[in-house]
C-alpha atoms as a PDB file:
ATOM      1  CA  ALA A   1      27.189  13.686 -23.533  1.00  0.00           C
ATOM      2  CA  LEU A   2      23.907  14.832 -25.009  1.00  0.00           C
ATOM      3  CA  GLY A   3      21.224  16.384 -22.845  1.00  0.00           C
ATOM      4  CA  ARG A   4      21.381  17.691 -19.325  1.00  0.00           C
ATOM      5  CA  SER A   5      21.658  16.029 -15.941  1.00  0.00           C
ATOM      6  CA  TYR A   6      18.733  15.625 -13.555  1.00  0.00           C
ATOM      7  CA  LEU A   7      20.119  18.425 -11.376  1.00  0.00           C
ATOM      8  CA  GLU A   8      20.560  20.780 -14.343  1.00  0.00           C
ATOM      9  CA  ILE A   9      16.959  20.152 -15.446  1.00  0.00           C
ATOM     10  CA  ALA A  10      15.661  20.719 -11.896  1.00  0.00           C
ATOM     11  CA  HIS A  11      17.620  23.964 -11.470  1.00  0.00           C
ATOM     12  CA  ALA A  12      16.236  25.228 -14.796  1.00  0.00           C
ATOM     13  CA  GLY A  13      12.613  24.734 -13.640  1.00  0.00           C
ATOM     14  CA  GLY A  14      11.924  21.498 -15.513  1.00  0.00           C
ATOM     15  CA  GLY A  15      11.175  18.028 -14.216  1.00  0.00           C
ATOM     16  CA  ILE A  16       9.076  18.060 -11.036  1.00  0.00           C
ATOM     17  CA  ALA A  17       8.433  21.812 -11.253  1.00  0.00           C
ATOM     18  CA  SER A  18       7.033  21.475 -14.760  1.00  0.00           C
ATOM     19  CA  THR A  19       4.751  18.580 -13.798  1.00  0.00           C
ATOM     20  CA  MET A  20       3.652  20.527 -10.698  1.00  0.00           C
ATOM     21  CA  ARG A  21       2.451  23.431 -12.845  1.00  0.00           C
ATOM     22  CA  GLN A  22       0.470  21.062 -15.091  1.00  0.00           C
ATOM     23  CA  THR A  23      -1.021  19.212 -12.107  1.00  0.00           C
ATOM     24  CA  ARG A  24      -2.122  22.394 -10.399  1.00  0.00           C
ATOM     25  CA  SER A  25      -3.865  23.624 -13.545  1.00  0.00           C
ATOM     26  CA  ALA A  26      -5.737  20.348 -14.181  1.00  0.00           C
ATOM     27  CA  SER A  27      -9.103  19.530 -12.663  1.00  0.00           C
ATOM     28  CA  GLU A  28      -9.652  16.423 -10.585  1.00  0.00           C
ATOM     29  CA  ASP A  29     -11.741  14.921 -13.411  1.00  0.00           C
ATOM     30  CA  GLU A  30      -9.011  15.645 -15.974  1.00  0.00           C
ATOM     31  CA  LEU A  31      -6.389  13.988 -13.775  1.00  0.00           C
ATOM     32  CA  LEU A  32      -8.662  10.995 -13.198  1.00  0.00           C
ATOM     33  CA  ALA A  33      -9.268  10.503 -16.927  1.00  0.00           C
ATOM     34  CA  ARG A  34      -5.534  10.654 -17.600  1.00  0.00           C
ATOM     35  CA  ALA A  35      -4.750   8.210 -14.785  1.00  0.00           C
ATOM     36  CA  GLN A  36      -7.472   5.819 -15.958  1.00  0.00           C
ATOM     37  CA  GLY A  37      -5.870   5.718 -19.401  1.00  0.00           C
ATOM     38  CA  PHE A  38      -2.445   4.883 -17.984  1.00  0.00           C
ATOM     39  CA  LEU A  39      -3.904   2.305 -15.594  1.00  0.00           C
ATOM     40  CA  ALA A  40      -5.847   0.597 -18.391  1.00  0.00           C
ATOM     41  CA  GLN A  41      -2.609   0.172 -20.344  1.00  0.00           C
ATOM     42  CA  MET A  42      -0.874  -1.284 -17.288  1.00  0.00           C
ATOM     43  CA  VAL A  43      -3.717  -3.715 -16.612  1.00  0.00           C
ATOM     44  CA  GLU A  44      -3.566  -4.850 -20.263  1.00  0.00           C
ATOM     45  CA  LEU A  45       0.065  -5.785 -19.621  1.00  0.00           C
ATOM     46  CA  GLY A  46      -0.928  -7.841 -16.569  1.00  0.00           C
ATOM     47  CA  VAL A  47      -0.138  -5.354 -13.815  1.00  0.00           C
ATOM     48  CA  THR A  48      -2.407  -5.932 -10.822  1.00  0.00           C
ATOM     49  CA  THR A  49      -1.033  -3.469  -8.249  1.00  0.00           C
ATOM     50  CA  VAL A  50       0.109   0.120  -8.741  1.00  0.00           C
ATOM     51  CA  GLU A  51       1.578   2.521  -6.209  1.00  0.00           C
ATOM     52  CA  CYS A  52       0.315   6.051  -6.903  1.00  0.00           C
ATOM     53  CA  LYS A  53       2.259   8.894  -5.322  1.00  0.00           C
ATOM     54  CA  SER A  54       1.239  12.472  -4.847  1.00  0.00           C
ATOM     55  CA  GLY A  55       4.046  15.026  -4.861  1.00  0.00           C
ATOM     56  CA  TYR A  56       3.092  17.069  -7.900  1.00  0.00           C
ATOM     57  CA  GLY A  57       0.627  19.452  -6.250  1.00  0.00           C
ATOM     58  CA  LEU A  58       2.953  20.617  -3.479  1.00  0.00           C
ATOM     59  CA  ASN A  59       0.298  22.621  -1.638  1.00  0.00           C
ATOM     60  CA  VAL A  60      -2.631  21.573   0.529  1.00  0.00           C
ATOM     61  CA  ASP A  61      -5.365  21.710  -2.104  1.00  0.00           C
ATOM     62  CA  ASP A  62      -3.472  20.088  -4.963  1.00  0.00           C
ATOM     63  CA  GLU A  63      -1.875  17.315  -2.897  1.00  0.00           C
ATOM     64  CA  LEU A  64      -5.322  16.382  -1.566  1.00  0.00           C
ATOM     65  CA  LYS A  65      -6.699  16.602  -5.108  1.00  0.00           C
ATOM     66  CA  LEU A  66      -4.172  14.023  -6.308  1.00  0.00           C
ATOM     67  CA  LEU A  67      -4.894  11.668  -3.438  1.00  0.00           C
ATOM     68  CA  ARG A  68      -8.656  11.934  -4.076  1.00  0.00           C
ATOM     69  CA  VAL A  69      -7.982  11.044  -7.727  1.00  0.00           C
ATOM     70  CA  TYR A  70      -6.196   7.889  -6.555  1.00  0.00           C
ATOM     71  CA  ARG A  71      -9.136   6.975  -4.323  1.00  0.00           C
ATOM     72  CA  ARG A  72     -11.527   7.403  -7.264  1.00  0.00           C
ATOM     73  CA  LEU A  73      -9.154   5.428  -9.479  1.00  0.00           C
ATOM     74  CA  ALA A  74      -9.146   2.570  -6.950  1.00  0.00           C
ATOM     75  CA  ASP A  75     -12.938   2.614  -6.721  1.00  0.00           C
ATOM     76  CA  ALA A  76     -13.288   2.357 -10.515  1.00  0.00           C
ATOM     77  CA  SER A  77     -10.662  -0.347 -11.196  1.00  0.00           C
ATOM     78  CA  ALA A  78     -10.068  -4.006 -10.469  1.00  0.00           C
ATOM     79  CA  ALA A  79      -6.383  -3.172  -9.972  1.00  0.00           C
ATOM     80  CA  THR A  80      -5.109  -2.571  -6.456  1.00  0.00           C
ATOM     81  CA  ILE A  81      -4.042   1.035  -5.945  1.00  0.00           C
ATOM     82  CA  VAL A  82      -1.563   1.787  -3.143  1.00  0.00           C
ATOM     83  CA  PRO A  83      -1.689   5.546  -2.472  1.00  0.00           C
ATOM     84  CA  THR A  84       1.426   7.247  -1.088  1.00  0.00           C
ATOM     85  CA  PHE A  85       1.670  10.824   0.152  1.00  0.00           C
ATOM     86  CA  LEU A  86       4.782  12.493  -1.311  1.00  0.00           C
ATOM     87  CA  GLY A  87       4.142  16.118  -0.386  1.00  0.00           C
ATOM     88  CA  ALA A  88       7.856  16.205   0.411  1.00  0.00           C
ATOM     89  CA  HIS A  89       8.917  15.696  -3.198  1.00  0.00           C
ATOM     90  CA  VAL A  90      10.537  19.126  -3.486  1.00  0.00           C
ATOM     91  CA  VAL A  91       9.907  22.496  -1.893  1.00  0.00           C
ATOM     92  CA  PRO A  92       7.667  24.333  -4.385  1.00  0.00           C
ATOM     93  CA  PRO A  93       9.083  27.489  -5.975  1.00  0.00           C
ATOM     94  CA  GLU A  94       6.801  29.847  -4.044  1.00  0.00           C
ATOM     95  CA  MET A  95       8.073  28.388  -0.742  1.00  0.00           C
ATOM     96  CA  ARG A  96      11.829  28.182  -1.468  1.00  0.00           C
ATOM     97  CA  GLU A  97      12.514  31.097   0.863  1.00  0.00           C
ATOM     98  CA  HIS A  98      10.222  29.570   3.504  1.00  0.00           C
ATOM     99  CA  ARG A  99      11.384  25.959   3.808  1.00  0.00           C
ATOM    100  CA  ALA A 100      10.589  25.653   7.502  1.00  0.00           C
ATOM    101  CA  ARG A 101       7.052  26.908   6.894  1.00  0.00           C
ATOM    102  CA  TYR A 102       6.573  24.376   4.072  1.00  0.00           C
ATOM    103  CA  VAL A 103       7.796  21.489   6.262  1.00  0.00           C
ATOM    104  CA  ALA A 104       5.509  22.690   9.083  1.00  0.00           C
ATOM    105  CA  MET A 105       2.561  22.733   6.654  1.00  0.00           C
ATOM    106  CA  LEU A 106       3.295  19.123   5.680  1.00  0.00           C
ATOM    107  CA  VAL A 107       3.652  18.005   9.296  1.00  0.00           C
ATOM    108  CA  ASP A 108       0.893  20.057  10.922  1.00  0.00           C
ATOM    109  CA  GLU A 109      -1.725  20.370   8.157  1.00  0.00           C
ATOM    110  CA  LEU A 110      -1.404  17.833   5.368  1.00  0.00           C
ATOM    111  CA  ILE A 111      -0.229  14.661   7.096  1.00  0.00           C
ATOM    112  CA  PRO A 112      -3.015  14.746   9.717  1.00  0.00           C
ATOM    113  CA  VAL A 113      -5.715  15.237   7.031  1.00  0.00           C
ATOM    114  CA  VAL A 114      -4.240  12.550   4.768  1.00  0.00           C
ATOM    115  CA  ALA A 115      -4.265  10.057   7.645  1.00  0.00           C
ATOM    116  CA  ARG A 116      -7.665  11.088   9.037  1.00  0.00           C
ATOM    117  CA  ASP A 117      -9.326  10.762   5.625  1.00  0.00           C
ATOM    118  CA  GLY A 118      -7.518   7.512   4.754  1.00  0.00           C
ATOM    119  CA  LEU A 119      -6.071   9.024   1.580  1.00  0.00           C
ATOM    120  CA  ALA A 120      -2.676   7.280   1.752  1.00  0.00           C
ATOM    121  CA  ARG A 121      -1.015   4.263   3.294  1.00  0.00           C
ATOM    122  CA  CYS A 122       2.531   5.621   3.194  1.00  0.00           C
ATOM    123  CA  CYS A 123       4.448   8.879   3.586  1.00  0.00           C
ATOM    124  CA  ASP A 124       7.447   9.347   1.293  1.00  0.00           C
ATOM    125  CA  VAL A 125      10.195  11.993   1.297  1.00  0.00           C
ATOM    126  CA  PHE A 126      12.741  12.801  -1.416  1.00  0.00           C
ATOM    127  CA  VAL A 127      16.101  13.229   0.340  1.00  0.00           C
ATOM    128  CA  GLU A 128      18.417  15.030  -2.057  1.00  0.00           C
ATOM    129  CA  GLN A 129      20.271  18.331  -2.411  1.00  0.00           C
ATOM    130  CA  THR A 130      17.433  19.670  -4.601  1.00  0.00           C
ATOM    131  CA  ALA A 131      14.761  18.405  -2.206  1.00  0.00           C
ATOM    132  CA  PHE A 132      14.833  17.703   1.565  1.00  0.00           C
ATOM    133  CA  THR A 133      17.556  17.365   4.168  1.00  0.00           C
ATOM    134  CA  ILE A 134      17.924  14.400   6.504  1.00  0.00           C
ATOM    135  CA  ASP A 135      16.590  16.454   9.441  1.00  0.00           C
ATOM    136  CA  GLU A 136      13.571  17.675   7.463  1.00  0.00           C
ATOM    137  CA  ALA A 137      12.868  14.157   6.208  1.00  0.00           C
ATOM    138  CA  ARG A 138      13.118  12.693   9.697  1.00  0.00           C
ATOM    139  CA  ARG A 139      10.578  15.205  11.008  1.00  0.00           C
ATOM    140  CA  ILE A 140       8.151  14.509   8.140  1.00  0.00           C
ATOM    141  CA  LEU A 141       8.483  10.715   8.302  1.00  0.00           C
ATOM    142  CA  LEU A 142       8.057  10.594  12.076  1.00  0.00           C
ATOM    143  CA  ALA A 143       4.936  12.760  11.800  1.00  0.00           C
ATOM    144  CA  GLY A 144       3.566  10.321   9.238  1.00  0.00           C
ATOM    145  CA  LYS A 145       4.425   7.290  11.353  1.00  0.00           C
ATOM    146  CA  ALA A 146       2.736   8.901  14.376  1.00  0.00           C
ATOM    147  CA  VAL A 147      -0.596   8.849  12.493  1.00  0.00           C
ATOM    148  CA  GLY A 148      -0.172   5.407  10.926  1.00  0.00           C
ATOM    149  CA  LEU A 149       1.509   6.164   7.592  1.00  0.00           C
ATOM    150  CA  ALA A 150       4.371   3.800   6.765  1.00  0.00           C
ATOM    151  CA  ALA A 151       7.670   5.519   5.918  1.00  0.00           C
ATOM    152  CA  LYS A 152       9.284   5.426   2.473  1.00  0.00           C
ATOM    153  CA  LEU A 153      12.206   7.414   1.090  1.00  0.00           C
ATOM    154  CA  HIS A 154      13.592   8.459  -2.244  1.00  0.00           C
ATOM    155  CA  ALA A 155      17.122   8.005  -0.919  1.00  0.00           C
ATOM    156  CA  ASP A 156      20.609   8.497  -2.319  1.00  0.00           C
ATOM    157  CA  GLN A 157      19.360   8.676  -5.895  1.00  0.00           C
ATOM    158  CA  LEU A 158      21.948  11.154  -7.141  1.00  0.00           C
ATOM    159  CA  ASP A 159      24.549  10.986  -4.373  1.00  0.00           C
ATOM    160  CA  ASP A 160      25.012   9.486  -0.906  1.00  0.00           C
ATOM    161  CA  GLY A 161      23.145  11.960   1.255  1.00  0.00           C
ATOM    162  CA  GLY A 162      22.460   9.659   4.205  1.00  0.00           C
ATOM    163  CA  GLY A 163      18.966   8.685   3.089  1.00  0.00           C
ATOM    164  CA  ALA A 164      19.561   4.943   3.374  1.00  0.00           C
ATOM    165  CA  LEU A 165      20.720   5.368   6.974  1.00  0.00           C
ATOM    166  CA  LEU A 166      17.619   7.425   7.750  1.00  0.00           C
ATOM    167  CA  ALA A 167      15.446   4.743   6.157  1.00  0.00           C
ATOM    168  CA  ALA A 168      16.934   2.170   8.516  1.00  0.00           C
ATOM    169  CA  GLU A 169      16.533   4.529  11.484  1.00  0.00           C
ATOM    170  CA  VAL A 170      12.809   5.086  10.902  1.00  0.00           C
ATOM    171  CA  GLY A 171      12.052   1.512   9.785  1.00  0.00           C
ATOM    172  CA  ALA A 172      11.068   2.515   6.261  1.00  0.00           C
ATOM    173  CA  LEU A 173       9.312   0.059   3.945  1.00  0.00           C
ATOM    174  CA  SER A 174      11.606   1.086   1.101  1.00  0.00           C
ATOM    175  CA  ALA A 175      14.427   3.414   0.194  1.00  0.00           C
END
């Protein structure tokens, strides 16, 4: 087999972590211009609706920055943009030793602002050994549902971690 597995890439600091670093260093205008280019290509192919997920800022400021980009993208396009909050994509490197504090930040700080400002329709959690546990995901999804964000999960992508069962439990739109 050539190449490395998803887990090997993640453990080496690639994948989501690499995109997170690039997202954090980009301005809102730079991200918007990039997204507009991708969206224009999709529209040319006949795509009319696009779900845009956050999850690459992984802190308060950068997650909100991404969701504001999606709002601006929606305002400037004929395509329908469905924004989804995915602050629970992975625990960012600077918070790995403080998982509970990161989950509390999502639940107590970010989710209420995202809902209050109408920045997303859904709340998504990545349930995986490199991401969030079932208990953490449940807490995050229920906090989102409590403020009107529909639940979604990245579930059982790499192994059966119980994500599909959690999706059924919380009435998720998708898993």
